[in-house]
C-alpha cells in the first residue's frame, strides 16, 4: 500500500502528460500592405501623437478619462476577477492541508455501556489532528483548467486595453465634434449679423424707391432660415459637452463652463506611421482577446476529456486521540491514516463524450470568431485610411471654394449697392458662401475625426512600448 502511494505521488509530480489538444498559437493571415496609408517617419507614441493636436485641454481630458471612467473601472474589476480565478485554479493543484481539534463529553445510557449497565456513564474524548488531501492530477484536468484560466486572464487584459483605446477615441471624437459645432455656430451667428445688415440695406433701398418688396421678403426669409439653424447647433454643442463629462467620470453638466469658450479645430494633424497589416493585427487588443479566448476554449477540451479517466486522490491524517486531555500527544494516543481514493464512473461515458463534443464546438466557434475579428480589423483599418485620404482632398477643395465664394459674395454686394444686379443675385452669392463655409468646417471636422479613427483602428499610436494594460498570458 505504501509503495503504491509513493509511486502515484511520484507520477503526479513527474508526469507532464495532460489529455486534450496542446494549443498552438495561431498567426493571423494579413496582406503585405494597406492600399492607402499616410506616410510618416519613425514611430509615434501615445504622448507625441496627442501632443500633435496642440491642445492641452484635450490632453487633460484624455488623462482624466483613463483615470476616472466608470466603464474602465468595471473592466479593471473583471480583469482582477480573472486574476483571482487563476490563482484559485493554481491552488487547486496543490495539497490541501488543515488542522482540527475537538473535545467532547458524552453521557452513555445503560444499553450503550459494555456490558450493559456496567462502567462509567460519562465518556470524554479529545482529538487533535493534521490532515492532507490532494487530487493527483495524472491526466491533467487541473492543469488544463489552470491553462484555461490563464488564457481568460489574458483575454480580460486585452479587453481592458481595447476599452482604453476605444474610450480615448470616443473622448477625442466628442471633443473635436464639439469644436466643429462651435465653429459652425460662430459662422451661423456671423451670417445672422451679416444678413441683418443686408436687410437694413434692402429696407433703406426700398424706402428710397430703389428696391422692391420682393427683395425685402427674400432677405427676411434668409435671415430667419439662418437663425433657425442656431438652436439645433446649440443643442448639439451641449450634447457633446455632456458626453465628454460622462466619459471623464463626471456628472453631465460638470464641464459646461470649461468647454463653453469656442476653440478652433487643429490646424495640422499628426500622422501615424501605420506599418504593415501584420504589425497592426499583432498590436490590436481585440485580436489578442479573441486569440486568448480560443486558447481557453482549447484548454477546456482537455478538462472535459480528463473525465474519461479515473480520478485519484490521496488523503492522509496524523494526530492524537485520548480520553484524557493530559494523554494527548502521548505515544499511545497517536493515530495515523493514509488513503488512496479512486473515482471513475464507468457508465457515464456518454455524458462525458457529450461534454467533450460541446467543448470542441466551443473551440471551433472561438476559432471562427478569431478569424472574423481579424477580417473586421483589416476592414476597419482600410476603411479609415481611405476616409482620411479622401477627407483631406475634400477639405483642400472646399477651402479653395470658400475663398472663391467669399470673393464672389463681396463682389455681389458691391455691385448691388451700385445698382448693377438685383438682390436675388446677392442672396444667392451669400447662400453659396454660407454653404461652403459650413461644408468646409464639416469636412475639416471629418478629417480630424478620420485621424482619430485611424488611431482607434491601429489600437493606439505605434511605438508605445508600455501598453496601458497588460496581462501575463
Protein backbone atom coordinates (compact mmCIF):
# COMPACT_ATOMS: atom_id res chain seq x y z
CA UNK A 1 0.00 0.00 0.00
CA UNK A 2 2.72 2.45 0.98
CA UNK A 3 4.70 1.65 -2.18
CA UNK A 4 1.65 2.32 -4.38
CA UNK A 5 1.05 5.68 -2.75
CA UNK A 6 4.67 6.67 -3.19
CA UNK A 7 4.54 5.62 -6.84
CA UNK A 8 1.36 7.58 -7.54
CA UNK A 9 2.75 10.64 -5.77
CA UNK A 10 5.88 10.49 -7.87
CA UNK A 11 3.81 10.15 -11.02
CA UNK A 12 1.74 13.18 -10.03
CA UNK A 13 4.85 15.31 -9.72
CA UNK A 14 6.81 13.98 -12.68
CA UNK A 15 4.14 13.34 -15.29
CA UNK A 16 3.88 16.11 -17.85
CA UNK A 17 1.04 14.36 -19.63
CA UNK A 18 -2.28 16.15 -19.97
CA UNK A 19 -5.11 14.86 -22.11
CA UNK A 20 -6.71 17.02 -24.74
CA UNK A 21 -5.12 19.05 -27.54
CA UNK A 22 -2.00 21.11 -26.89
CA UNK A 23 -2.84 24.64 -28.04
CA UNK A 24 -0.74 26.06 -30.85
CA UNK A 25 -0.95 29.87 -31.15
CA UNK A 26 -2.49 30.93 -34.46
CA UNK A 27 -0.97 33.58 -36.69
CA UNK A 28 -3.42 35.90 -38.46
CA UNK A 29 -3.30 35.98 -42.24
CA UNK A 30 -2.66 39.50 -43.46
CA UNK A 31 -1.82 41.18 -46.78
CA UNK A 32 1.62 42.67 -47.30
CA UNK A 33 0.45 46.28 -47.20
CA UNK A 34 -2.57 48.52 -46.84
CA UNK A 35 -3.92 50.04 -50.03
CA UNK A 36 -3.69 53.59 -48.74
CA UNK A 37 -1.76 54.80 -45.72
CA UNK A 38 -0.34 58.18 -44.67
CA UNK A 39 3.43 58.31 -44.69
CA UNK A 40 5.23 59.38 -41.53
CA UNK A 41 8.86 58.95 -40.48
CA UNK A 42 9.79 57.00 -37.36
CA UNK A 43 7.49 55.94 -34.55
CA UNK A 44 4.75 57.85 -32.79
CA UNK A 45 3.95 57.03 -29.19
CA UNK A 46 0.79 57.99 -27.34
CA UNK A 47 2.12 61.19 -25.82
CA UNK A 48 3.60 62.54 -29.03
CA UNK A 49 0.51 61.62 -31.02
CA UNK A 50 -1.95 63.56 -28.85
CA UNK A 51 0.55 66.41 -28.41
CA UNK A 52 0.47 66.71 -32.20
CA UNK A 53 -3.01 68.25 -31.96
CA UNK A 54 -1.51 71.06 -29.85
CA UNK A 55 -4.50 71.12 -27.47
CA UNK A 56 -3.65 70.95 -23.75
CA UNK A 57 -7.34 70.71 -22.82
CA UNK A 58 -7.75 67.59 -24.95
CA UNK A 59 -4.68 66.00 -23.37
CA UNK A 60 -6.04 66.73 -19.88
CA UNK A 61 -9.44 65.24 -20.71
CA UNK A 62 -7.80 62.08 -22.03
CA UNK A 63 -5.82 61.65 -18.81
CA UNK A 64 -8.97 62.18 -16.77
CA UNK A 65 -10.85 59.61 -18.86
CA UNK A 66 -8.18 56.99 -18.27
CA UNK A 67 -8.20 57.76 -14.55
CA UNK A 68 -11.91 58.03 -13.76
CA UNK A 69 -14.09 56.47 -16.47
CA UNK A 70 -16.63 54.11 -14.89
CA UNK A 71 -16.56 51.59 -17.74
CA UNK A 72 -12.81 51.28 -17.25
CA UNK A 73 -13.31 50.60 -13.57
CA UNK A 74 -15.69 47.80 -14.44
CA UNK A 75 -13.22 46.31 -16.95
CA UNK A 76 -10.44 46.53 -14.39
CA UNK A 77 -12.63 44.69 -11.88
CA UNK A 78 -13.27 41.96 -14.45
CA UNK A 79 -9.53 41.67 -15.01
CA UNK A 80 -8.95 41.38 -11.27
CA UNK A 81 -11.67 38.71 -11.08
CA UNK A 82 -9.93 36.68 -13.80
CA UNK A 83 -6.66 37.08 -11.93
CA UNK A 84 -8.25 35.77 -8.73
CA UNK A 85 -9.76 32.79 -10.54
CA UNK A 86 -6.34 31.94 -11.98
CA UNK A 87 -4.81 31.99 -8.52
CA UNK A 88 -7.60 29.70 -7.33
CA UNK A 89 -7.07 27.22 -10.17
CA UNK A 90 -3.37 27.09 -9.42
CA UNK A 91 -4.07 26.50 -5.75
CA UNK A 92 -6.30 23.52 -6.64
CA UNK A 93 -3.21 21.69 -7.94
CA UNK A 94 -1.54 21.86 -4.52
CA UNK A 95 -2.24 19.66 -1.49
CA UNK A 96 -4.91 20.92 0.86
CA UNK A 97 -3.58 20.88 4.43
CA UNK A 98 -5.69 21.56 7.51
CA UNK A 99 -5.68 21.10 11.24
CA UNK A 100 -8.54 20.21 13.55
CA UNK A 101 -9.12 19.74 17.25
CA UNK A 102 -12.11 18.73 19.35
CA UNK A 103 -13.11 17.97 22.92
CA UNK A 104 -16.31 16.03 23.61
CA UNK A 105 -18.14 14.69 26.66
CA UNK A 106 -20.97 12.17 26.34
CA UNK A 107 -23.34 10.57 28.85
CA UNK A 108 -23.99 6.93 27.99
CA UNK A 109 -27.28 5.17 28.55
CA UNK A 110 -27.26 1.77 30.23
CA UNK A 111 -27.61 -0.07 26.92
CA UNK A 112 -24.61 1.83 25.48
CA UNK A 113 -22.22 0.53 28.14
CA UNK A 114 -20.23 -2.66 27.82
CA UNK A 115 -21.51 -4.78 29.37
CA UNK A 116 -24.91 -3.06 29.67
CA UNK A 117 -25.31 -1.25 32.97
CA UNK A 118 -21.63 -1.53 33.91
CA UNK A 119 -18.83 1.01 33.82
CA UNK A 120 -18.80 4.78 33.92
CA UNK A 121 -21.72 6.57 32.34
CA UNK A 122 -19.52 9.53 31.37
CA UNK A 123 -17.08 9.43 28.42
CA UNK A 124 -14.62 12.13 27.39
CA UNK A 125 -12.81 12.23 24.05
CA UNK A 126 -10.06 14.61 22.99
CA UNK A 127 -8.72 14.79 19.43
CA UNK A 128 -6.09 16.83 17.59
CA UNK A 129 -5.02 16.09 14.03
CA UNK A 130 -3.43 17.46 10.88
CA UNK A 131 -4.88 16.27 7.58
CA UNK A 132 -3.83 16.42 3.92
CA UNK A 133 -5.93 15.87 0.84
CA UNK A 134 -4.55 16.02 -2.68
CA UNK A 135 -6.04 15.28 -6.09
CA UNK A 136 -3.31 13.58 -8.10
CA UNK A 137 -3.59 15.31 -11.46
CA UNK A 138 -2.34 12.35 -13.50
CA UNK A 139 -4.39 13.20 -16.59
CA UNK A 140 -4.08 16.98 -16.48
CA UNK A 141 -7.62 18.04 -15.61
CA UNK A 142 -6.44 20.65 -13.13
CA UNK A 143 -3.58 21.77 -15.34
CA UNK A 144 -5.90 22.27 -18.30
CA UNK A 145 -8.30 24.20 -16.08
CA UNK A 146 -5.43 26.44 -14.96
CA UNK A 147 -4.38 26.85 -18.60
CA UNK A 148 -7.89 27.99 -19.48
CA UNK A 149 -7.95 30.47 -16.59
CA UNK A 150 -4.58 31.86 -17.65
CA UNK A 151 -5.87 32.39 -21.18
CA UNK A 152 -9.03 34.05 -19.83
CA UNK A 153 -6.84 36.41 -17.81
CA UNK A 154 -5.00 37.34 -20.99
CA UNK A 155 -8.32 37.97 -22.72
CA UNK A 156 -9.52 40.17 -19.84
CA UNK A 157 -6.30 42.19 -20.02
CA UNK A 158 -6.70 42.62 -23.77
CA UNK A 159 -10.34 43.67 -23.28
CA UNK A 160 -9.18 46.30 -20.81
CA UNK A 161 -6.59 47.64 -23.25
CA UNK A 162 -9.14 47.67 -26.10
CA UNK A 163 -11.61 49.59 -23.94
CA UNK A 164 -8.97 52.17 -23.07
CA UNK A 165 -8.21 52.79 -26.73
CA UNK A 166 -11.93 52.93 -27.55
CA UNK A 167 -12.69 55.40 -24.76
CA UNK A 168 -9.80 57.67 -25.69
CA UNK A 169 -11.09 57.59 -29.26
CA UNK A 170 -14.63 58.38 -28.12
CA UNK A 171 -13.38 61.26 -25.99
CA UNK A 172 -11.35 62.74 -28.85
CA UNK A 173 -14.25 62.25 -31.27
CA UNK A 174 -16.72 64.03 -28.99
CA UNK A 175 -14.20 66.79 -28.32
CA UNK A 176 -13.49 67.53 -31.98
CA UNK A 177 -17.17 67.27 -32.86
CA UNK A 178 -17.78 69.87 -30.15
CA UNK A 179 -15.14 72.19 -31.60
CA UNK A 180 -16.52 71.74 -35.11
CA UNK A 181 -20.07 72.51 -33.95
CA UNK A 182 -18.84 75.58 -32.08
CA UNK A 183 -17.21 76.83 -35.28
CA UNK A 184 -20.41 76.21 -37.20
CA UNK A 185 -22.29 78.12 -34.53
CA UNK A 186 -19.88 81.05 -34.88
CA UNK A 187 -20.36 81.04 -38.63
CA UNK A 188 -24.16 80.90 -38.25
CA UNK A 189 -24.15 83.84 -35.83
CA UNK A 190 -21.82 85.80 -38.11
CA UNK A 191 -24.15 85.11 -41.01
CA UNK A 192 -27.10 86.33 -38.94
CA UNK A 193 -25.28 89.60 -38.31
CA UNK A 194 -24.37 89.99 -41.97
CA UNK A 195 -27.88 89.19 -43.13
CA UNK A 196 -29.35 91.62 -40.61
CA UNK A 197 -27.14 94.33 -42.05
CA UNK A 198 -28.17 93.30 -45.56
CA UNK A 199 -31.82 93.53 -44.54
CA UNK A 200 -31.26 97.07 -43.29
CA UNK A 201 -29.65 97.96 -46.62
CA UNK A 202 -32.56 96.48 -48.54
CA UNK A 203 -35.09 98.35 -46.44
CA UNK A 204 -33.24 101.61 -46.95
CA UNK A 205 -33.20 100.99 -50.70
CA UNK A 206 -36.91 100.15 -50.66
CA UNK A 207 -37.58 103.34 -48.72
CA UNK A 208 -35.58 105.27 -51.31
CA UNK A 209 -37.54 103.69 -54.13
CA UNK A 210 -34.57 101.72 -55.43
CA UNK A 211 -35.69 98.30 -54.20
CA UNK A 212 -38.75 96.09 -54.19
CA UNK A 213 -40.87 94.42 -51.52
CA UNK A 214 -39.83 91.10 -53.03
CA UNK A 215 -36.19 91.86 -52.18
CA UNK A 216 -37.16 92.69 -48.61
CA UNK A 217 -39.21 89.49 -48.14
CA UNK A 218 -36.39 87.34 -49.54
CA UNK A 219 -33.90 88.98 -47.16
CA UNK A 220 -36.18 88.35 -44.18
CA UNK A 221 -36.66 84.72 -45.25
CA UNK A 222 -32.91 84.08 -45.49
CA UNK A 223 -32.29 85.74 -42.14
CA UNK A 224 -34.88 83.64 -40.34
CA UNK A 225 -33.68 80.44 -42.03
CA UNK A 226 -30.17 81.11 -40.75
CA UNK A 227 -31.48 81.88 -37.28
CA UNK A 228 -33.37 78.56 -37.31
CA UNK A 229 -30.09 76.65 -37.60
CA UNK A 230 -28.73 78.04 -34.33
CA UNK A 231 -30.95 76.15 -31.80
CA UNK A 232 -30.05 72.78 -33.30
CA UNK A 233 -26.36 73.66 -33.18
CA UNK A 234 -26.67 74.80 -29.56
CA UNK A 235 -28.37 71.54 -28.59
CA UNK A 236 -25.66 69.51 -30.35
CA UNK A 237 -22.95 71.51 -28.59
CA UNK A 238 -24.47 70.80 -25.18
CA UNK A 239 -24.89 67.12 -26.00
CA UNK A 240 -21.16 66.82 -26.81
CA UNK A 241 -20.28 68.59 -23.55
CA UNK A 242 -22.44 66.14 -21.59
CA UNK A 243 -20.83 63.16 -23.38
CA UNK A 244 -17.31 64.40 -22.62
CA UNK A 245 -18.13 64.89 -18.95
CA UNK A 246 -19.56 61.37 -18.59
CA UNK A 247 -16.55 59.86 -20.39
CA UNK A 248 -14.29 61.56 -17.86
CA UNK A 249 -16.32 60.11 -14.99
CA UNK A 250 -18.23 63.28 -14.04
CA UNK A 251 -21.80 64.50 -14.00
CA UNK A 252 -23.05 65.61 -17.46
CA UNK A 253 -23.08 69.33 -16.62
CA UNK A 254 -19.69 69.36 -14.88
CA UNK A 255 -17.67 70.67 -17.86
CA UNK A 256 -20.15 73.06 -19.48
CA UNK A 257 -18.41 76.22 -18.28
CA UNK A 258 -14.95 74.86 -19.02
CA UNK A 259 -15.81 73.78 -22.56
CA UNK A 260 -18.08 76.73 -23.42
CA UNK A 261 -15.39 79.05 -24.90
CA UNK A 262 -15.13 78.11 -28.59
CA UNK A 263 -11.82 76.79 -29.80
CA UNK A 264 -10.71 76.15 -33.38
CA UNK A 265 -10.15 72.79 -34.94
CA UNK A 266 -6.45 71.82 -35.14
CA UNK A 267 -4.62 73.50 -38.00
CA UNK A 268 -2.46 70.44 -38.65
CA UNK A 269 -2.90 66.81 -37.74
CA UNK A 270 -0.35 64.29 -36.50
CA UNK A 271 0.29 61.47 -38.94
CA UNK A 272 0.66 57.96 -37.59
CA UNK A 273 3.18 55.57 -39.18
CA UNK A 274 0.73 52.77 -39.89
CA UNK A 275 3.15 49.94 -40.55
CA UNK A 276 2.24 46.64 -42.19
CA UNK A 277 -1.12 44.90 -41.73
CA UNK A 278 0.63 42.12 -39.82
CA UNK A 279 2.02 44.65 -37.34
CA UNK A 280 -1.40 46.21 -36.91
CA UNK A 281 -3.03 42.84 -36.24
CA UNK A 282 -0.42 41.92 -33.65
CA UNK A 283 -0.96 45.26 -31.91
CA UNK A 284 -4.75 45.21 -31.73
CA UNK A 285 -6.04 44.07 -28.32
CA UNK A 286 -9.36 42.81 -29.67
CA UNK A 287 -7.46 40.25 -31.73
CA UNK A 288 -5.34 39.32 -28.73
CA UNK A 289 -8.53 38.85 -26.71
CA UNK A 290 -10.07 36.63 -29.40
CA UNK A 291 -6.87 34.57 -29.60
CA UNK A 292 -6.74 34.13 -25.83
CA UNK A 293 -10.39 33.01 -25.77
CA UNK A 294 -9.53 30.47 -28.46
CA UNK A 295 -6.71 29.20 -26.23
CA UNK A 296 -9.09 28.95 -23.28
CA UNK A 297 -11.63 27.01 -25.34
CA UNK A 298 -8.90 24.59 -26.45
CA UNK A 299 -7.81 24.02 -22.85
CA UNK A 300 -11.39 23.28 -21.79
CA UNK A 301 -11.44 20.37 -24.24
CA UNK A 302 -8.70 18.82 -22.09
CA UNK A 303 -10.72 19.48 -18.93
CA UNK A 304 -13.70 17.61 -20.40
CA UNK A 305 -11.51 14.81 -21.81
CA UNK A 306 -9.92 14.15 -18.41
CA UNK A 307 -13.32 12.97 -17.16
CA UNK A 308 -12.90 9.84 -19.31
CA UNK A 309 -10.13 8.70 -16.98
CA UNK A 310 -10.16 7.80 -13.29
CA UNK A 311 -9.51 10.48 -10.71
CA UNK A 312 -7.02 9.64 -7.96
CA UNK A 313 -6.87 11.39 -4.60
CA UNK A 314 -4.54 11.00 -1.67
CA UNK A 315 -5.76 11.58 1.89
CA UNK A 316 -3.53 11.44 4.95
CA UNK A 317 -4.07 12.21 8.64
CA UNK A 318 -1.82 12.21 11.65
CA UNK A 319 -2.99 13.11 15.13
CA UNK A 320 -3.72 12.14 18.67
CA UNK A 321 -6.85 10.72 20.32
CA UNK A 322 -7.24 10.34 24.08
CA UNK A 323 -9.93 10.07 26.73
CA UNK A 324 -8.00 12.44 28.97
CA UNK A 325 -6.62 15.76 27.84
CA UNK A 326 -3.35 15.07 29.60
CA UNK A 327 -2.78 11.97 27.46
CA UNK A 328 -2.94 13.88 24.17
CA UNK A 329 0.26 13.58 22.11
CA UNK A 330 1.48 10.70 24.22
CA UNK A 331 2.92 7.65 22.46
CA UNK A 332 -0.17 5.53 22.95
CA UNK A 333 -2.54 8.26 21.72
CA UNK A 334 -1.01 8.60 18.26
CA UNK A 335 -3.24 7.88 15.26
CA UNK A 336 -2.42 7.80 11.55
CA UNK A 337 -4.36 7.24 8.38
CA UNK A 338 -3.34 7.13 4.73
CA UNK A 339 -5.91 6.51 2.00
CA UNK A 340 -5.80 6.36 -1.78
CA UNK A 341 -9.10 7.18 -3.43
CA UNK A 342 -10.16 6.29 -6.97
CA UNK A 343 -13.23 7.83 -8.62
CA UNK A 344 -14.20 6.51 -12.02
CA UNK A 345 -17.76 6.42 -13.25
CA UNK A 346 -17.81 3.70 -15.89
CA UNK A 347 -21.38 4.22 -17.02
CA UNK A 348 -21.11 7.99 -17.53
CA UNK A 349 -19.07 7.91 -20.75
CA UNK A 350 -21.99 9.12 -22.84
CA UNK A 351 -22.32 12.32 -20.82
CA UNK A 352 -18.56 12.84 -20.80
CA UNK A 353 -18.39 12.42 -24.57
CA UNK A 354 -21.19 14.96 -25.00
CA UNK A 355 -19.28 17.46 -22.87
CA UNK A 356 -16.14 16.85 -24.94
CA UNK A 357 -18.10 17.41 -28.15
CA UNK A 358 -19.58 20.62 -26.70
CA UNK A 359 -16.12 21.86 -25.70
CA UNK A 360 -14.81 21.06 -29.18
CA UNK A 361 -17.71 23.00 -30.74
CA UNK A 362 -16.93 25.94 -28.46
CA UNK A 363 -13.34 25.81 -29.70
CA UNK A 364 -14.47 25.85 -33.34
CA UNK A 365 -16.73 28.83 -32.59
CA UNK A 366 -13.83 30.63 -30.89
CA UNK A 367 -11.64 29.99 -33.94
CA UNK A 368 -14.32 31.38 -36.27
CA UNK A 369 -14.71 34.42 -34.01
CA UNK A 370 -10.94 34.96 -34.06
CA UNK A 371 -10.79 34.78 -37.85
CA UNK A 372 -13.76 37.15 -38.16
CA UNK A 373 -12.13 39.59 -35.73
CA UNK A 374 -9.02 39.63 -37.93
CA UNK A 375 -11.06 40.33 -41.06
CA UNK A 376 -13.04 43.10 -39.35
CA UNK A 377 -9.82 44.69 -38.08
CA UNK A 378 -8.36 44.76 -41.60
CA UNK A 379 -11.63 46.15 -42.98
CA UNK A 380 -11.80 48.86 -40.32
CA UNK A 381 -8.21 49.96 -40.88
CA UNK A 382 -8.51 50.04 -44.68
CA UNK A 383 -11.80 51.98 -44.41
CA UNK A 384 -10.44 54.59 -42.03
CA UNK A 385 -7.29 55.08 -44.09
CA UNK A 386 -9.22 55.75 -47.28
CA UNK A 387 -11.69 58.02 -45.48
CA UNK A 388 -8.83 60.07 -44.09
CA UNK A 389 -7.20 60.42 -47.51
CA UNK A 390 -10.46 61.45 -49.19
CA UNK A 391 -11.40 63.86 -46.39
CA UNK A 392 -8.07 65.65 -46.81
CA UNK A 393 -8.71 66.08 -50.52
CA UNK A 394 -12.23 67.35 -49.84
CA UNK A 395 -11.01 69.88 -47.27
CA UNK A 396 -8.44 71.26 -49.70
CA UNK A 397 -11.04 71.76 -52.41
CA UNK A 398 -13.61 73.24 -50.05
CA UNK A 399 -11.00 75.67 -48.73
CA UNK A 400 -10.43 76.95 -52.26
CA UNK A 401 -14.20 77.03 -52.87
CA UNK A 402 -14.78 79.06 -49.69
CA UNK A 403 -12.19 81.64 -50.72
CA UNK A 404 -13.82 81.97 -54.12
CA UNK A 405 -17.33 82.13 -52.64
CA UNK A 406 -16.26 84.84 -50.22
CA UNK A 407 -14.83 86.90 -53.04
CA UNK A 408 -17.99 86.36 -55.12
CA UNK A 409 -20.24 87.43 -52.26
CA UNK A 410 -18.26 90.62 -51.71
CA UNK A 411 -18.39 91.44 -55.43
CA UNK A 412 -22.14 90.79 -55.49
CA UNK A 413 -22.69 93.08 -52.53
CA UNK A 414 -20.68 95.86 -54.15
CA UNK A 415 -22.46 95.52 -57.50
CA UNK A 416 -25.83 95.51 -55.74
CA UNK A 417 -25.01 98.78 -53.99
CA UNK A 418 -24.02 100.19 -57.35
CA UNK A 419 -27.32 99.03 -58.80
CA UNK A 420 -25.90 96.64 -61.40
CA UNK A 421 -27.59 93.48 -60.07
CA UNK A 422 -30.69 92.63 -58.11
CA UNK A 423 -30.84 91.47 -54.54
CA UNK A 424 -31.65 87.93 -55.66
CA UNK A 425 -28.11 87.56 -57.01
CA UNK A 426 -26.70 88.90 -53.72
CA UNK A 427 -28.71 86.39 -51.72
CA UNK A 428 -27.59 83.55 -53.98
CA UNK A 429 -23.92 84.53 -53.57
CA UNK A 430 -24.27 84.82 -49.79
CA UNK A 431 -26.06 81.49 -49.54
CA UNK A 432 -23.28 79.86 -51.52
CA UNK A 433 -20.73 81.34 -49.12
CA UNK A 434 -22.71 80.06 -46.11
CA UNK A 435 -22.96 76.60 -47.61
CA UNK A 436 -19.27 76.38 -48.49
CA UNK A 437 -18.22 77.64 -45.03
CA UNK A 438 -20.37 75.04 -43.31
CA UNK A 439 -19.16 72.34 -45.66
CA UNK A 440 -15.53 73.31 -45.00
CA UNK A 441 -16.00 73.14 -41.23
CA UNK A 442 -17.77 69.78 -41.55
CA UNK A 443 -15.02 68.49 -43.81
CA UNK A 444 -12.23 69.64 -41.50
CA UNK A 445 -14.09 68.04 -38.60
CA UNK A 446 -14.44 64.83 -40.59
CA UNK A 447 -10.73 64.94 -41.47
CA UNK A 448 -9.80 65.29 -37.80
CA UNK A 449 -12.18 62.53 -36.79
CA UNK A 450 -10.74 60.31 -39.52
CA UNK A 451 -7.31 60.64 -37.93
CA UNK A 452 -8.80 59.75 -34.55
CA UNK A 453 -10.46 56.72 -36.15
CA UNK A 454 -7.12 55.66 -37.59
CA UNK A 455 -5.76 55.82 -34.06
CA UNK A 456 -8.59 53.57 -32.91
CA UNK A 457 -8.16 51.17 -35.83
CA UNK A 458 -4.44 50.87 -35.06
CA UNK A 459 -5.23 50.30 -31.35
CA UNK A 460 -3.22 53.33 -30.32
CA UNK A 461 -0.16 55.05 -31.64
CA UNK A 462 2.62 52.69 -32.77
CA UNK A 463 5.85 52.84 -30.84
CA UNK A 464 4.21 52.93 -27.42
CA UNK A 465 6.33 50.32 -25.69
CA UNK A 466 4.32 50.37 -22.45
CA UNK A 467 0.69 49.34 -23.01
CA UNK A 468 -1.90 50.84 -20.72
CA UNK A 469 -2.98 47.40 -19.55
CA UNK A 470 -1.16 44.11 -19.86
CA UNK A 471 -1.75 40.56 -18.75
CA UNK A 472 0.53 37.63 -18.13
CA UNK A 473 -0.73 35.27 -20.76
